[in-house]
Amino acid sequence: MHLRQTRADTVRVLVHTQRVQVLDSLALMHPEWSMDKAAKASFVRADFQRRSKQSG
């Protein structure tokens, strides 16, 4: 049973999803900040990978 690991992964995915939603709402409020989908995806992916490395 890797319950703790699963919970950590779930939290990580939730935080990741929230970050994408925040980026989307910022883009709505500030169209000049809006990135195209590919740029946003690569930005979020890089951030996500960096954070997973930090957490171990």
N, C-alpha and C. Protein backbone atom coordinates (compact mmCIF):
# COMPACT_ATOMS: atom_id res chain seq x y z
N MET A 1 0.84 -1.20 0.00
CA MET A 1 0.00 0.00 0.00
C MET A 1 0.88 1.25 0.00
N HIS A 2 0.75 2.05 -1.05
CA HIS A 2 1.50 3.29 -1.13
C HIS A 2 0.52 4.46 -1.00
N LEU A 3 -0.22 4.46 0.08
CA LEU A 3 -1.29 5.45 0.25
C LEU A 3 -0.71 6.87 0.32
N ARG A 4 0.37 7.02 1.08
CA ARG A 4 0.94 8.35 1.25
C ARG A 4 1.44 8.89 -0.09
N GLN A 5 2.11 8.04 -0.86
CA GLN A 5 2.61 8.45 -2.17
C GLN A 5 1.45 8.85 -3.08
N THR A 6 0.38 8.08 -3.06
CA THR A 6 -0.78 8.39 -3.90
C THR A 6 -1.38 9.73 -3.51
N ARG A 7 -1.48 9.97 -2.20
CA ARG A 7 -2.05 11.24 -1.74
C ARG A 7 -1.17 12.40 -2.22
N ALA A 8 0.13 12.24 -2.12
CA ALA A 8 1.05 13.28 -2.57
C ALA A 8 0.86 13.56 -4.06
N ASP A 9 0.72 12.49 -4.85
CA ASP A 9 0.51 12.64 -6.29
C ASP A 9 -0.80 13.36 -6.56
N THR A 10 -1.85 13.01 -5.82
CA THR A 10 -3.16 13.64 -6.00
C THR A 10 -3.07 15.13 -5.71
N VAL A 11 -2.43 15.47 -4.59
CA VAL A 11 -2.27 16.88 -4.23
C VAL A 11 -1.50 17.62 -5.32
N ARG A 12 -0.45 16.97 -5.82
CA ARG A 12 0.38 17.60 -6.85
C ARG A 12 -0.46 17.88 -8.11
N VAL A 13 -1.28 16.93 -8.48
CA VAL A 13 -2.13 17.11 -9.67
C VAL A 13 -3.14 18.23 -9.43
N LEU A 14 -3.73 18.27 -8.21
CA LEU A 14 -4.70 19.33 -7.90
C LEU A 14 -4.04 20.70 -7.97
N VAL A 15 -2.85 20.82 -7.39
CA VAL A 15 -2.13 22.10 -7.41
C VAL A 15 -1.81 22.49 -8.85
N HIS A 16 -1.38 21.49 -9.63
CA HIS A 16 -1.08 21.69 -11.05
C HIS A 16 -2.31 22.22 -11.79
N THR A 17 -3.46 21.61 -11.54
CA THR A 17 -4.71 22.01 -12.20
C THR A 17 -5.08 23.43 -11.79
N GLN A 18 -4.96 23.74 -10.50
CA GLN A 18 -5.27 25.09 -10.03
C GLN A 18 -4.37 26.13 -10.69
N ARG A 19 -3.11 25.77 -10.87
CA ARG A 19 -2.17 26.71 -11.48
C ARG A 19 -2.59 27.02 -12.91
N VAL A 20 -3.03 26.00 -13.64
CA VAL A 20 -3.50 26.22 -15.01
C VAL A 20 -4.73 27.12 -15.01
N GLN A 21 -5.65 26.90 -14.05
CA GLN A 21 -6.85 27.73 -13.97
C GLN A 21 -6.49 29.17 -13.64
N VAL A 22 -5.52 29.37 -12.75
CA VAL A 22 -5.08 30.72 -12.41
C VAL A 22 -4.50 31.41 -13.65
N LEU A 23 -3.67 30.68 -14.39
CA LEU A 23 -3.11 31.25 -15.62
C LEU A 23 -4.22 31.63 -16.59
N ASP A 24 -5.23 30.77 -16.70
CA ASP A 24 -6.34 31.05 -17.61
C ASP A 24 -7.11 32.29 -17.17
N SER A 25 -7.39 32.41 -15.87
CA SER A 25 -8.16 33.57 -15.42
C SER A 25 -7.34 34.85 -15.53
N LEU A 26 -6.03 34.76 -15.30
CA LEU A 26 -5.18 35.93 -15.49
C LEU A 26 -5.19 36.35 -16.96
N ALA A 27 -5.18 35.37 -17.85
CA ALA A 27 -5.20 35.68 -19.28
C ALA A 27 -6.52 36.35 -19.66
N LEU A 28 -7.61 35.95 -18.98
CA LEU A 28 -8.90 36.58 -19.26
C LEU A 28 -8.90 38.04 -18.79
N MET A 29 -8.35 38.28 -17.61
CA MET A 29 -8.35 39.63 -17.05
C MET A 29 -7.35 40.53 -17.77
N HIS A 30 -6.24 39.92 -18.22
CA HIS A 30 -5.16 40.67 -18.86
C HIS A 30 -4.83 40.01 -20.19
N PRO A 31 -5.57 40.32 -21.23
CA PRO A 31 -5.35 39.65 -22.52
C PRO A 31 -3.91 39.75 -22.99
N GLU A 32 -3.22 40.82 -22.62
CA GLU A 32 -1.83 40.96 -23.08
C GLU A 32 -0.92 39.92 -22.42
N TRP A 33 -1.37 39.31 -21.32
CA TRP A 33 -0.58 38.26 -20.67
C TRP A 33 -0.85 36.90 -21.27
N SER A 34 -1.90 36.84 -22.08
CA SER A 34 -2.33 35.56 -22.60
C SER A 34 -1.22 34.91 -23.44
N MET A 35 -0.91 33.67 -23.13
CA MET A 35 0.05 32.91 -23.92
C MET A 35 -0.74 31.95 -24.79
N ASP A 36 -0.17 31.57 -25.92
CA ASP A 36 -0.87 30.56 -26.68
C ASP A 36 -0.78 29.24 -25.92
N LYS A 37 -1.65 28.31 -26.28
CA LYS A 37 -1.80 27.06 -25.53
C LYS A 37 -0.48 26.30 -25.41
N ALA A 38 0.28 26.26 -26.49
CA ALA A 38 1.53 25.50 -26.49
C ALA A 38 2.54 26.12 -25.51
N ALA A 39 2.64 27.45 -25.54
CA ALA A 39 3.57 28.13 -24.64
C ALA A 39 3.15 27.91 -23.19
N LYS A 40 1.84 28.02 -22.94
CA LYS A 40 1.35 27.83 -21.58
C LYS A 40 1.62 26.40 -21.11
N ALA A 41 1.37 25.44 -21.98
CA ALA A 41 1.57 24.03 -21.62
C ALA A 41 3.04 23.78 -21.28
N SER A 42 3.96 24.32 -22.09
CA SER A 42 5.37 24.07 -21.82
C SER A 42 5.81 24.80 -20.56
N PHE A 43 5.27 26.00 -20.32
CA PHE A 43 5.59 26.74 -19.09
C PHE A 43 5.14 25.95 -17.88
N VAL A 44 3.89 25.48 -17.90
CA VAL A 44 3.35 24.75 -16.76
C VAL A 44 4.09 23.43 -16.58
N ARG A 45 4.40 22.77 -17.68
CA ARG A 45 5.11 21.49 -17.59
C ARG A 45 6.49 21.68 -16.96
N ALA A 46 7.21 22.72 -17.38
CA ALA A 46 8.53 22.98 -16.82
C ALA A 46 8.43 23.28 -15.34
N ASP A 47 7.45 24.09 -14.96
CA ASP A 47 7.24 24.44 -13.56
C ASP A 47 6.90 23.19 -12.76
N PHE A 48 6.03 22.36 -13.33
CA PHE A 48 5.60 21.12 -12.68
C PHE A 48 6.80 20.19 -12.45
N GLN A 49 7.64 20.03 -13.47
CA GLN A 49 8.81 19.15 -13.35
C GLN A 49 9.79 19.70 -12.31
N ARG A 50 9.97 21.02 -12.32
CA ARG A 50 10.89 21.63 -11.36
C ARG A 50 10.42 21.36 -9.93
N ARG A 51 9.10 21.52 -9.71
CA ARG A 51 8.56 21.29 -8.38
C ARG A 51 8.63 19.82 -7.97
N SER A 52 8.41 18.91 -8.91
CA SER A 52 8.48 17.50 -8.54
C SER A 52 9.91 17.13 -8.16
N LYS A 53 10.89 17.73 -8.83
CA LYS A 53 12.29 17.47 -8.47
C LYS A 53 12.56 17.98 -7.06
N GLN A 54 12.07 19.17 -6.74
CA GLN A 54 12.30 19.77 -5.42
C GLN A 54 11.71 18.89 -4.32
N SER A 55 10.50 18.38 -4.56
CA SER A 55 9.81 17.61 -3.51
C SER A 55 10.44 16.24 -3.33
N GLY A 56 11.33 15.86 -4.24
CA GLY A 56 12.03 14.59 -4.06
C GLY A 56 11.61 13.62 -5.10
